């Protein structure tokens, strides 16, 4: 998150090389977020790392934001921290990993919802 500085340029006489220091420090941050388009509710936070522990924290945050009696469905990619068997899934959250890029997400979503109802 953020912007890396680009090379700094300065006007100078031909044949000279004036100093042009610029900030080379960079830090990374990961944004975790989920929204409910129907209700306009969301759960999000920013962490300096992205791993299994962070995903478990994110699931807890989403679980607390879900209305009582409701169920959350998260559509995720195949990242290791999204599909690990070590994740602690709350009872009110289902994760739907997308296996293929060319598959229509709604087809998988309908299949998963039918499976959850039965």
N, C-alpha and C. Protein backbone atom coordinates (compact mmCIF):
# COMPACT_ATOMS: atom_id res chain seq x y z
N UNK A 1 0.85 -1.15 0.00
CA UNK A 1 0.00 0.00 0.00
C UNK A 1 0.91 1.22 0.00
N UNK A 2 0.63 2.15 -0.82
CA UNK A 2 1.45 3.35 -0.89
C UNK A 2 2.13 3.48 -2.22
N UNK A 3 3.05 4.37 -2.30
CA UNK A 3 3.72 4.65 -3.56
C UNK A 3 5.22 4.70 -3.35
N UNK A 4 5.93 4.02 -4.21
CA UNK A 4 7.39 4.10 -4.17
C UNK A 4 7.82 5.37 -4.89
N UNK A 5 8.84 6.00 -4.37
CA UNK A 5 9.32 7.21 -5.02
C UNK A 5 10.06 6.86 -6.29
N UNK A 6 9.91 7.71 -7.28
CA UNK A 6 10.62 7.47 -8.53
C UNK A 6 11.94 8.24 -8.51
N UNK A 7 12.71 8.08 -9.54
CA UNK A 7 13.99 8.77 -9.62
C UNK A 7 13.79 10.27 -9.57
N UNK A 8 14.64 10.94 -8.86
CA UNK A 8 14.58 12.39 -8.77
C UNK A 8 15.45 12.97 -9.88
N UNK A 9 14.94 13.95 -10.56
CA UNK A 9 15.69 14.58 -11.65
C UNK A 9 15.92 16.05 -11.30
N UNK A 10 17.06 16.57 -11.75
CA UNK A 10 17.40 17.97 -11.51
C UNK A 10 18.00 18.58 -12.75
N UNK A 11 17.78 19.88 -12.88
CA UNK A 11 18.45 20.62 -13.96
C UNK A 11 19.90 20.79 -13.56
N UNK A 12 20.80 20.61 -14.53
CA UNK A 12 22.23 20.78 -14.24
C UNK A 12 22.96 21.08 -15.54
N UNK A 13 24.16 21.62 -15.37
CA UNK A 13 24.99 21.86 -16.54
C UNK A 13 25.40 20.57 -17.18
N UNK A 14 25.51 20.58 -18.47
CA UNK A 14 25.93 19.40 -19.20
C UNK A 14 27.30 18.95 -18.69
N UNK A 15 27.43 17.66 -18.45
CA UNK A 15 28.70 17.11 -18.00
C UNK A 15 28.84 17.05 -16.48
N UNK A 16 27.88 17.59 -15.71
CA UNK A 16 27.96 17.51 -14.25
C UNK A 16 26.92 16.51 -13.75
N UNK A 17 27.13 16.01 -12.55
CA UNK A 17 26.19 15.08 -11.93
C UNK A 17 25.87 15.58 -10.52
N UNK A 18 24.87 16.44 -10.39
CA UNK A 18 24.53 16.93 -9.06
C UNK A 18 23.85 15.83 -8.24
N UNK A 19 23.97 15.93 -6.93
CA UNK A 19 23.30 14.96 -6.05
C UNK A 19 21.79 15.18 -6.13
N UNK A 20 21.05 14.09 -6.14
CA UNK A 20 19.59 14.15 -6.16
C UNK A 20 19.04 13.05 -5.24
N UNK A 21 19.22 13.24 -3.92
CA UNK A 21 18.75 12.19 -3.01
C UNK A 21 17.23 12.09 -3.01
N UNK A 22 16.74 10.87 -2.87
CA UNK A 22 15.29 10.67 -2.73
C UNK A 22 15.07 9.55 -1.72
N UNK A 23 13.89 9.49 -1.20
CA UNK A 23 13.54 8.53 -0.15
C UNK A 23 13.38 7.14 -0.75
N UNK A 24 14.19 6.18 -0.34
CA UNK A 24 14.15 4.82 -0.85
C UNK A 24 13.51 3.83 0.13
N UNK A 25 13.03 4.34 1.27
CA UNK A 25 12.43 3.44 2.26
C UNK A 25 11.06 2.98 1.78
N UNK A 26 10.76 1.71 1.95
CA UNK A 26 9.45 1.18 1.62
C UNK A 26 9.01 0.23 2.72
N UNK A 27 7.73 0.16 2.94
CA UNK A 27 7.14 -0.77 3.88
C UNK A 27 5.90 -1.34 3.23
N UNK A 28 5.56 -2.55 3.57
CA UNK A 28 4.38 -3.19 3.01
C UNK A 28 3.28 -3.27 4.06
N UNK A 29 2.06 -3.27 3.59
CA UNK A 29 0.90 -3.46 4.45
C UNK A 29 -0.15 -4.24 3.67
N UNK A 30 -0.90 -5.05 4.36
CA UNK A 30 -1.94 -5.86 3.74
C UNK A 30 -3.29 -5.38 4.24
N UNK A 31 -4.21 -5.19 3.32
CA UNK A 31 -5.56 -4.75 3.68
C UNK A 31 -6.48 -5.96 3.62
N UNK A 32 -7.11 -6.27 4.73
CA UNK A 32 -8.09 -7.35 4.81
C UNK A 32 -9.46 -6.69 4.90
N UNK A 33 -10.39 -7.12 4.07
CA UNK A 33 -11.70 -6.50 4.11
C UNK A 33 -12.77 -7.40 3.53
N UNK A 34 -13.98 -7.21 4.02
CA UNK A 34 -15.15 -7.92 3.51
C UNK A 34 -16.35 -6.99 3.66
N UNK A 35 -17.26 -7.06 2.69
CA UNK A 35 -18.44 -6.21 2.74
C UNK A 35 -19.70 -7.01 2.48
N UNK A 36 -20.82 -6.48 2.93
CA UNK A 36 -22.13 -7.00 2.61
C UNK A 36 -22.81 -5.95 1.75
N UNK A 37 -22.91 -6.17 0.44
CA UNK A 37 -23.50 -5.15 -0.43
C UNK A 37 -24.96 -4.85 -0.10
N UNK A 38 -25.70 -5.85 0.37
CA UNK A 38 -27.12 -5.65 0.66
C UNK A 38 -27.34 -4.74 1.86
N UNK A 39 -26.54 -4.91 2.90
CA UNK A 39 -26.73 -4.13 4.13
C UNK A 39 -25.77 -2.96 4.26
N UNK A 40 -24.73 -2.95 3.44
CA UNK A 40 -23.75 -1.88 3.52
C UNK A 40 -22.85 -1.99 4.74
N UNK A 41 -22.72 -3.18 5.30
CA UNK A 41 -21.85 -3.40 6.46
C UNK A 41 -20.51 -3.95 5.98
N UNK A 42 -19.49 -3.78 6.80
CA UNK A 42 -18.19 -4.29 6.43
C UNK A 42 -17.32 -4.56 7.63
N UNK A 43 -16.25 -5.28 7.40
CA UNK A 43 -15.24 -5.57 8.42
C UNK A 43 -13.89 -5.49 7.74
N UNK A 44 -12.98 -4.68 8.29
CA UNK A 44 -11.68 -4.53 7.65
C UNK A 44 -10.63 -4.09 8.66
N UNK A 45 -9.38 -4.39 8.34
CA UNK A 45 -8.23 -3.88 9.09
C UNK A 45 -6.98 -4.02 8.25
N UNK A 46 -5.91 -3.35 8.67
CA UNK A 46 -4.64 -3.34 7.95
C UNK A 46 -3.58 -3.97 8.85
N UNK A 47 -2.82 -4.91 8.29
CA UNK A 47 -1.76 -5.58 9.05
C UNK A 47 -0.45 -5.52 8.28
N UNK A 48 0.68 -5.57 9.00
CA UNK A 48 1.98 -5.56 8.33
C UNK A 48 2.39 -6.93 7.78
N UNK A 49 1.56 -7.95 7.96
CA UNK A 49 1.89 -9.27 7.44
C UNK A 49 0.62 -9.93 6.91
N UNK A 50 0.80 -10.98 6.13
CA UNK A 50 -0.32 -11.72 5.57
C UNK A 50 0.00 -13.20 5.71
N UNK A 51 -0.67 -13.84 6.66
CA UNK A 51 -0.41 -15.25 6.91
C UNK A 51 -1.65 -15.90 7.51
N UNK A 52 -1.50 -17.12 8.01
CA UNK A 52 -2.61 -17.86 8.57
C UNK A 52 -3.20 -17.17 9.79
N UNK A 53 -2.34 -16.64 10.65
CA UNK A 53 -2.81 -15.94 11.85
C UNK A 53 -3.64 -14.72 11.47
N UNK A 54 -3.20 -13.98 10.48
CA UNK A 54 -3.93 -12.79 10.03
C UNK A 54 -5.29 -13.19 9.45
N UNK A 55 -5.34 -14.28 8.70
CA UNK A 55 -6.61 -14.73 8.12
C UNK A 55 -7.58 -15.17 9.21
N UNK A 56 -7.08 -15.82 10.26
CA UNK A 56 -7.95 -16.20 11.38
C UNK A 56 -8.50 -14.96 12.07
N UNK A 57 -7.68 -13.93 12.24
CA UNK A 57 -8.17 -12.67 12.82
C UNK A 57 -9.24 -12.06 11.95
N UNK A 58 -9.03 -12.13 10.63
CA UNK A 58 -10.00 -11.58 9.70
C UNK A 58 -11.33 -12.34 9.77
N UNK A 59 -11.27 -13.66 9.86
CA UNK A 59 -12.49 -14.45 9.99
C UNK A 59 -13.25 -14.11 11.28
N UNK A 60 -12.52 -13.92 12.38
CA UNK A 60 -13.16 -13.52 13.64
C UNK A 60 -13.85 -12.17 13.50
N UNK A 61 -13.18 -11.24 12.84
CA UNK A 61 -13.74 -9.90 12.65
C UNK A 61 -15.02 -9.96 11.81
N UNK A 62 -14.99 -10.75 10.75
CA UNK A 62 -16.18 -10.90 9.90
C UNK A 62 -17.30 -11.57 10.69
N UNK A 63 -16.97 -12.60 11.44
CA UNK A 63 -17.97 -13.33 12.21
C UNK A 63 -18.70 -12.41 13.18
N UNK A 64 -17.99 -11.48 13.79
CA UNK A 64 -18.62 -10.55 14.72
C UNK A 64 -19.49 -9.52 14.01
N UNK A 65 -19.15 -9.20 12.75
CA UNK A 65 -19.90 -8.20 12.00
C UNK A 65 -21.16 -8.77 11.35
N UNK A 66 -21.24 -10.10 11.20
CA UNK A 66 -22.41 -10.73 10.58
C UNK A 66 -23.58 -10.64 11.54
N UNK A 67 -24.72 -10.26 11.00
CA UNK A 67 -25.93 -10.12 11.82
C UNK A 67 -26.33 -11.48 12.41
N UNK A 68 -26.93 -11.48 13.60
CA UNK A 68 -27.38 -12.74 14.20
C UNK A 68 -28.39 -13.44 13.28
N UNK A 69 -28.20 -14.73 13.08
CA UNK A 69 -29.08 -15.50 12.21
C UNK A 69 -28.69 -15.45 10.75
N UNK A 70 -27.72 -14.62 10.39
CA UNK A 70 -27.27 -14.50 8.99
C UNK A 70 -26.04 -15.38 8.78
N UNK A 71 -25.67 -15.55 7.52
CA UNK A 71 -24.51 -16.37 7.17
C UNK A 71 -23.67 -15.62 6.15
N UNK A 72 -22.36 -15.64 6.31
CA UNK A 72 -21.45 -14.96 5.38
C UNK A 72 -20.80 -15.98 4.45
N UNK A 73 -20.66 -15.58 3.18
CA UNK A 73 -19.98 -16.40 2.20
C UNK A 73 -18.81 -15.60 1.66
N UNK A 74 -17.59 -16.11 1.83
CA UNK A 74 -16.40 -15.43 1.34
C UNK A 74 -15.89 -16.13 0.09
N UNK A 75 -15.71 -15.36 -0.98
CA UNK A 75 -15.14 -15.90 -2.21
C UNK A 75 -13.67 -15.51 -2.22
N UNK A 76 -12.79 -16.50 -2.21
CA UNK A 76 -11.35 -16.25 -2.09
C UNK A 76 -10.59 -16.93 -3.21
N UNK A 77 -9.34 -16.51 -3.42
CA UNK A 77 -8.49 -17.17 -4.41
C UNK A 77 -7.78 -18.36 -3.76
N UNK A 78 -6.79 -18.90 -4.42
CA UNK A 78 -6.11 -20.11 -3.94
C UNK A 78 -4.87 -19.82 -3.09
N UNK A 79 -4.78 -18.66 -2.47
CA UNK A 79 -3.64 -18.36 -1.60
C UNK A 79 -3.61 -19.36 -0.45
N UNK A 80 -2.43 -19.70 0.00
CA UNK A 80 -2.27 -20.70 1.04
C UNK A 80 -3.00 -20.37 2.32
N UNK A 81 -3.04 -19.10 2.70
CA UNK A 81 -3.71 -18.71 3.95
C UNK A 81 -5.22 -18.65 3.79
N UNK A 82 -5.75 -18.74 2.56
CA UNK A 82 -7.19 -18.76 2.36
C UNK A 82 -7.76 -20.17 2.45
N UNK A 83 -6.96 -21.16 2.10
CA UNK A 83 -7.48 -22.52 1.97
C UNK A 83 -6.84 -23.52 2.92
N UNK A 84 -6.09 -23.06 3.89
CA UNK A 84 -5.40 -23.96 4.80
C UNK A 84 -6.39 -24.73 5.68
N UNK A 85 -6.05 -25.97 5.98
CA UNK A 85 -6.89 -26.77 6.88
C UNK A 85 -6.73 -26.31 8.33
N UNK A 86 -5.76 -25.46 8.61
CA UNK A 86 -5.53 -24.96 9.97
C UNK A 86 -6.37 -23.73 10.29
N UNK A 87 -7.18 -23.25 9.34
CA UNK A 87 -8.04 -22.09 9.61
C UNK A 87 -9.15 -22.47 10.57
N UNK A 88 -9.51 -21.56 11.44
CA UNK A 88 -10.63 -21.75 12.37
C UNK A 88 -11.86 -21.06 11.79
N UNK A 89 -12.75 -21.85 11.17
CA UNK A 89 -13.93 -21.28 10.54
C UNK A 89 -15.04 -21.10 11.56
N UNK A 90 -15.52 -19.87 11.75
CA UNK A 90 -16.70 -19.68 12.60
C UNK A 90 -17.91 -20.36 11.96
N UNK A 91 -18.92 -20.65 12.76
CA UNK A 91 -20.10 -21.37 12.27
C UNK A 91 -20.89 -20.55 11.26
N UNK A 92 -20.77 -19.22 11.31
CA UNK A 92 -21.59 -18.39 10.43
C UNK A 92 -20.83 -17.92 9.18
N UNK A 93 -19.72 -18.58 8.83
CA UNK A 93 -18.95 -18.22 7.64
C UNK A 93 -18.64 -19.47 6.82
N UNK A 94 -18.83 -19.34 5.50
CA UNK A 94 -18.43 -20.38 4.56
C UNK A 94 -17.44 -19.76 3.58
N UNK A 95 -16.37 -20.48 3.27
CA UNK A 95 -15.39 -19.99 2.31
C UNK A 95 -15.54 -20.76 1.01
N UNK A 96 -15.61 -20.01 -0.10
CA UNK A 96 -15.72 -20.60 -1.42
C UNK A 96 -14.46 -20.27 -2.20
N UNK A 97 -13.53 -21.23 -2.31
CA UNK A 97 -12.31 -20.96 -3.09
C UNK A 97 -12.60 -21.10 -4.58
N UNK A 98 -12.18 -20.14 -5.36
CA UNK A 98 -12.32 -20.21 -6.80
C UNK A 98 -11.16 -21.01 -7.36
N UNK A 99 -11.46 -22.11 -8.01
CA UNK A 99 -10.43 -23.01 -8.50
C UNK A 99 -9.92 -22.57 -9.87
N UNK A 100 -10.80 -22.19 -10.76
CA UNK A 100 -10.42 -21.79 -12.10
C UNK A 100 -10.71 -20.31 -12.32
N UNK A 101 -9.85 -19.66 -13.07
CA UNK A 101 -10.06 -18.24 -13.34
C UNK A 101 -11.21 -18.00 -14.31
N UNK A 102 -11.45 -18.93 -15.22
CA UNK A 102 -12.47 -18.70 -16.23
C UNK A 102 -13.86 -19.17 -15.81
N UNK A 103 -13.99 -19.71 -14.60
CA UNK A 103 -15.30 -20.16 -14.14
C UNK A 103 -16.12 -18.95 -13.71
N UNK A 104 -17.39 -18.99 -13.96
CA UNK A 104 -18.28 -17.90 -13.56
C UNK A 104 -18.54 -18.04 -12.06
N UNK A 105 -18.18 -17.04 -11.24
CA UNK A 105 -18.33 -17.16 -9.79
C UNK A 105 -19.76 -17.47 -9.35
N UNK A 106 -20.75 -16.94 -10.04
CA UNK A 106 -22.13 -17.16 -9.61
C UNK A 106 -22.54 -18.63 -9.73
N UNK A 107 -22.00 -19.36 -10.69
CA UNK A 107 -22.31 -20.78 -10.83
C UNK A 107 -21.83 -21.53 -9.60
N UNK A 108 -20.62 -21.29 -9.19
CA UNK A 108 -20.08 -21.94 -7.98
C UNK A 108 -20.84 -21.49 -6.75
N UNK A 109 -21.20 -20.23 -6.71
CA UNK A 109 -21.92 -19.67 -5.57
C UNK A 109 -23.27 -20.36 -5.41
N UNK A 110 -24.01 -20.53 -6.50
CA UNK A 110 -25.31 -21.19 -6.43
C UNK A 110 -25.17 -22.63 -5.98
N UNK A 111 -24.15 -23.33 -6.49
CA UNK A 111 -23.91 -24.71 -6.10
C UNK A 111 -23.61 -24.81 -4.60
N UNK A 112 -22.79 -23.92 -4.10
CA UNK A 112 -22.42 -23.93 -2.69
C UNK A 112 -23.62 -23.62 -1.80
N UNK A 113 -24.42 -22.64 -2.20
CA UNK A 113 -25.59 -22.29 -1.40
C UNK A 113 -26.60 -23.44 -1.37
N UNK A 114 -26.79 -24.14 -2.49
CA UNK A 114 -27.68 -25.30 -2.50
C UNK A 114 -27.17 -26.38 -1.56
N UNK A 115 -25.85 -26.59 -1.55
CA UNK A 115 -25.25 -27.60 -0.68
C UNK A 115 -25.44 -27.24 0.79
N UNK A 116 -25.30 -25.94 1.14
CA UNK A 116 -25.44 -25.49 2.53
C UNK A 116 -26.87 -25.64 3.02
N UNK A 117 -27.87 -25.48 2.15
CA UNK A 117 -29.28 -25.56 2.55
C UNK A 117 -29.72 -26.99 2.85
N UNK A 118 -29.11 -27.95 2.16
CA UNK A 118 -29.54 -29.33 2.35
C UNK A 118 -28.85 -30.01 3.50
